[in-house]
Amino acid sequence: MRPVTCLTCAAEVLARKSSWDQTTVQWSAEAVERCVERKQQLPPNERPNRNAFLGCHALKDSVRAAAVRGALEIQDEDPLKTNPEAHQ
């Protein structure tokens, strides 16, 4: 796992990318306090684990950016998926 800093709130987490589609994130107490999205109140819903934090979009983008620039190694050797329709 490698440290990755959120480009929005500067929360630093430990992250690992097994593939482009799978990411593991380990939050420290300080990162939890810094994260803007974690502080926002979620609307009530009927899910059994309704208090679970589903993830921070800004951090997800920051982890992906770290992987793209090579600062976070991807364990799977498959290349970054692209949208072939976007290149027409």
C-alpha atoms as a PDB file:
ATOM      1  CA  MET A   1       0.000   0.000   0.000  1.00  0.00           C
ATOM      2  CA  ARG A   2       1.188   3.477  -0.863  1.00  0.00           C
ATOM      3  CA  PRO A   3       0.211   6.892   0.470  1.00  0.00           C
ATOM      4  CA  VAL A   4      -2.133   8.855  -1.788  1.00  0.00           C
ATOM      5  CA  THR A   5      -3.259  12.408  -1.035  1.00  0.00           C
ATOM      6  CA  CYS A   6      -6.713  13.599  -2.056  1.00  0.00           C
ATOM      7  CA  LEU A   7      -6.405  16.469  -4.509  1.00  0.00           C
ATOM      8  CA  THR A   8      -9.525  18.110  -3.019  1.00  0.00           C
ATOM      9  CA  CYS A   9      -9.105  18.012   0.769  1.00  0.00           C
ATOM     10  CA  ALA A  10      -5.506  16.757   1.214  1.00  0.00           C
ATOM     11  CA  ALA A  11      -6.571  13.692   3.225  1.00  0.00           C
ATOM     12  CA  GLU A  12      -3.792  11.117   2.982  1.00  0.00           C
ATOM     13  CA  VAL A  13      -4.781   7.453   2.833  1.00  0.00           C
ATOM     14  CA  LEU A  14      -2.967   4.237   2.039  1.00  0.00           C
ATOM     15  CA  ALA A  15      -4.102   2.767  -1.266  1.00  0.00           C
ATOM     16  CA  ARG A  16      -3.482  -0.330  -3.358  1.00  0.00           C
ATOM     17  CA  LYS A  17      -4.719  -0.958  -6.886  1.00  0.00           C
ATOM     18  CA  SER A  18      -5.071  -4.629  -7.720  1.00  0.00           C
ATOM     19  CA  SER A  19      -6.492  -3.677 -11.125  1.00  0.00           C
ATOM     20  CA  TRP A  20      -7.988  -0.620 -12.800  1.00  0.00           C
ATOM     21  CA  ASP A  21     -11.362  -1.725 -11.414  1.00  0.00           C
ATOM     22  CA  GLN A  22     -10.346  -2.704  -7.863  1.00  0.00           C
ATOM     23  CA  THR A  23      -8.900  -0.412  -5.210  1.00  0.00           C
ATOM     24  CA  THR A  24      -8.223  -0.970  -1.516  1.00  0.00           C
ATOM     25  CA  VAL A  25      -8.123   2.105   0.713  1.00  0.00           C
ATOM     26  CA  GLN A  26      -7.035   2.279   4.338  1.00  0.00           C
ATOM     27  CA  TRP A  27      -8.208   5.415   6.156  1.00  0.00           C
ATOM     28  CA  SER A  28      -6.371   6.956   9.105  1.00  0.00           C
ATOM     29  CA  ALA A  29      -8.262   8.888  11.775  1.00  0.00           C
ATOM     30  CA  GLU A  30      -6.747  12.126  10.416  1.00  0.00           C
ATOM     31  CA  ALA A  31      -7.883  11.335   6.860  1.00  0.00           C
ATOM     32  CA  VAL A  32     -11.416  10.622   8.089  1.00  0.00           C
ATOM     33  CA  GLU A  33     -11.488  14.037   9.768  1.00  0.00           C
ATOM     34  CA  ARG A  34     -10.185  15.855   6.672  1.00  0.00           C
ATOM     35  CA  CYS A  35     -12.493  14.251   4.092  1.00  0.00           C
ATOM     36  CA  VAL A  36     -15.236  16.650   3.051  1.00  0.00           C
ATOM     37  CA  GLU A  37     -17.470  13.918   1.602  1.00  0.00           C
ATOM     38  CA  ARG A  38     -17.273  11.811   4.770  1.00  0.00           C
ATOM     39  CA  LYS A  39     -18.523  14.797   6.764  1.00  0.00           C
ATOM     40  CA  GLN A  40     -21.608  15.278   4.614  1.00  0.00           C
ATOM     41  CA  GLN A  41     -24.783  13.786   6.005  1.00  0.00           C
ATOM     42  CA  LEU A  42     -26.239  11.034   3.866  1.00  0.00           C
ATOM     43  CA  PRO A  43     -29.983  10.959   3.219  1.00  0.00           C
ATOM     44  CA  PRO A  44     -31.768   8.174   5.104  1.00  0.00           C
ATOM     45  CA  ASN A  45     -32.349   4.947   3.207  1.00  0.00           C
ATOM     46  CA  GLU A  46     -33.480   1.407   3.855  1.00  0.00           C
ATOM     47  CA  ARG A  47     -30.216  -0.450   3.265  1.00  0.00           C
ATOM     48  CA  PRO A  48     -29.306  -2.881   6.055  1.00  0.00           C
ATOM     49  CA  ASN A  49     -25.935  -1.163   6.570  1.00  0.00           C
ATOM     50  CA  ARG A  50     -27.224   2.349   5.918  1.00  0.00           C
ATOM     51  CA  ASN A  51     -24.478   4.023   7.934  1.00  0.00           C
ATOM     52  CA  ALA A  52     -21.679   2.617   5.759  1.00  0.00           C
ATOM     53  CA  PHE A  53     -19.578   5.140   3.880  1.00  0.00           C
ATOM     54  CA  LEU A  54     -19.642   4.119   0.224  1.00  0.00           C
ATOM     55  CA  GLY A  55     -16.585   6.103  -0.794  1.00  0.00           C
ATOM     56  CA  CYS A  56     -15.294   9.540  -1.639  1.00  0.00           C
ATOM     57  CA  HIS A  57     -15.509  10.548  -5.294  1.00  0.00           C
ATOM     58  CA  ALA A  58     -12.692  13.074  -4.963  1.00  0.00           C
ATOM     59  CA  LEU A  59     -10.399  10.468  -3.415  1.00  0.00           C
ATOM     60  CA  LYS A  60     -11.366   7.927  -6.080  1.00  0.00           C
ATOM     61  CA  ASP A  61     -10.312  10.455  -8.739  1.00  0.00           C
ATOM     62  CA  SER A  62      -7.076  11.178  -6.839  1.00  0.00           C
ATOM     63  CA  VAL A  63      -6.193   7.467  -6.591  1.00  0.00           C
ATOM     64  CA  ARG A  64      -6.877   6.993 -10.298  1.00  0.00           C
ATOM     65  CA  ALA A  65      -4.718  10.023 -11.135  1.00  0.00           C
ATOM     66  CA  ALA A  66      -1.884   8.594  -9.014  1.00  0.00           C
ATOM     67  CA  ALA A  67      -2.159   5.303 -10.907  1.00  0.00           C
ATOM     68  CA  VAL A  68      -2.206   7.015 -14.313  1.00  0.00           C
ATOM     69  CA  ARG A  69       0.926   9.026 -13.546  1.00  0.00           C
ATOM     70  CA  GLY A  70       2.687   5.914 -12.161  1.00  0.00           C
ATOM     71  CA  ALA A  71       2.813   6.950  -8.508  1.00  0.00           C
ATOM     72  CA  LEU A  72       0.557   4.014  -7.558  1.00  0.00           C
ATOM     73  CA  GLU A  73       1.436   0.667  -9.112  1.00  0.00           C
ATOM     74  CA  ILE A  74      -1.310  -1.474 -10.647  1.00  0.00           C
ATOM     75  CA  GLN A  75      -0.851  -5.121  -9.633  1.00  0.00           C
ATOM     76  CA  ASP A  76      -2.730  -6.462 -12.690  1.00  0.00           C
ATOM     77  CA  GLU A  77      -0.800  -6.107 -15.927  1.00  0.00           C
ATOM     78  CA  ASP A  78      -3.867  -5.359 -18.093  1.00  0.00           C
ATOM     79  CA  PRO A  79      -3.680  -1.869 -19.645  1.00  0.00           C
ATOM     80  CA  LEU A  80      -5.991   0.984 -18.703  1.00  0.00           C
ATOM     81  CA  LYS A  81      -9.381   0.428 -20.282  1.00  0.00           C
ATOM     82  CA  THR A  82     -10.439   3.036 -22.797  1.00  0.00           C
ATOM     83  CA  ASN A  83     -13.691   3.851 -24.496  1.00  0.00           C
ATOM     84  CA  PRO A  84     -13.160   2.987 -28.175  1.00  0.00           C
ATOM     85  CA  GLU A  85     -16.252   5.029 -29.117  1.00  0.00           C
ATOM     86  CA  ALA A  86     -14.583   8.179 -27.764  1.00  0.00           C
ATOM     87  CA  HIS A  87     -11.829   7.911 -30.395  1.00  0.00           C
ATOM     88  CA  GLN A  88     -14.109   7.933 -33.459  1.00  0.00           C
END
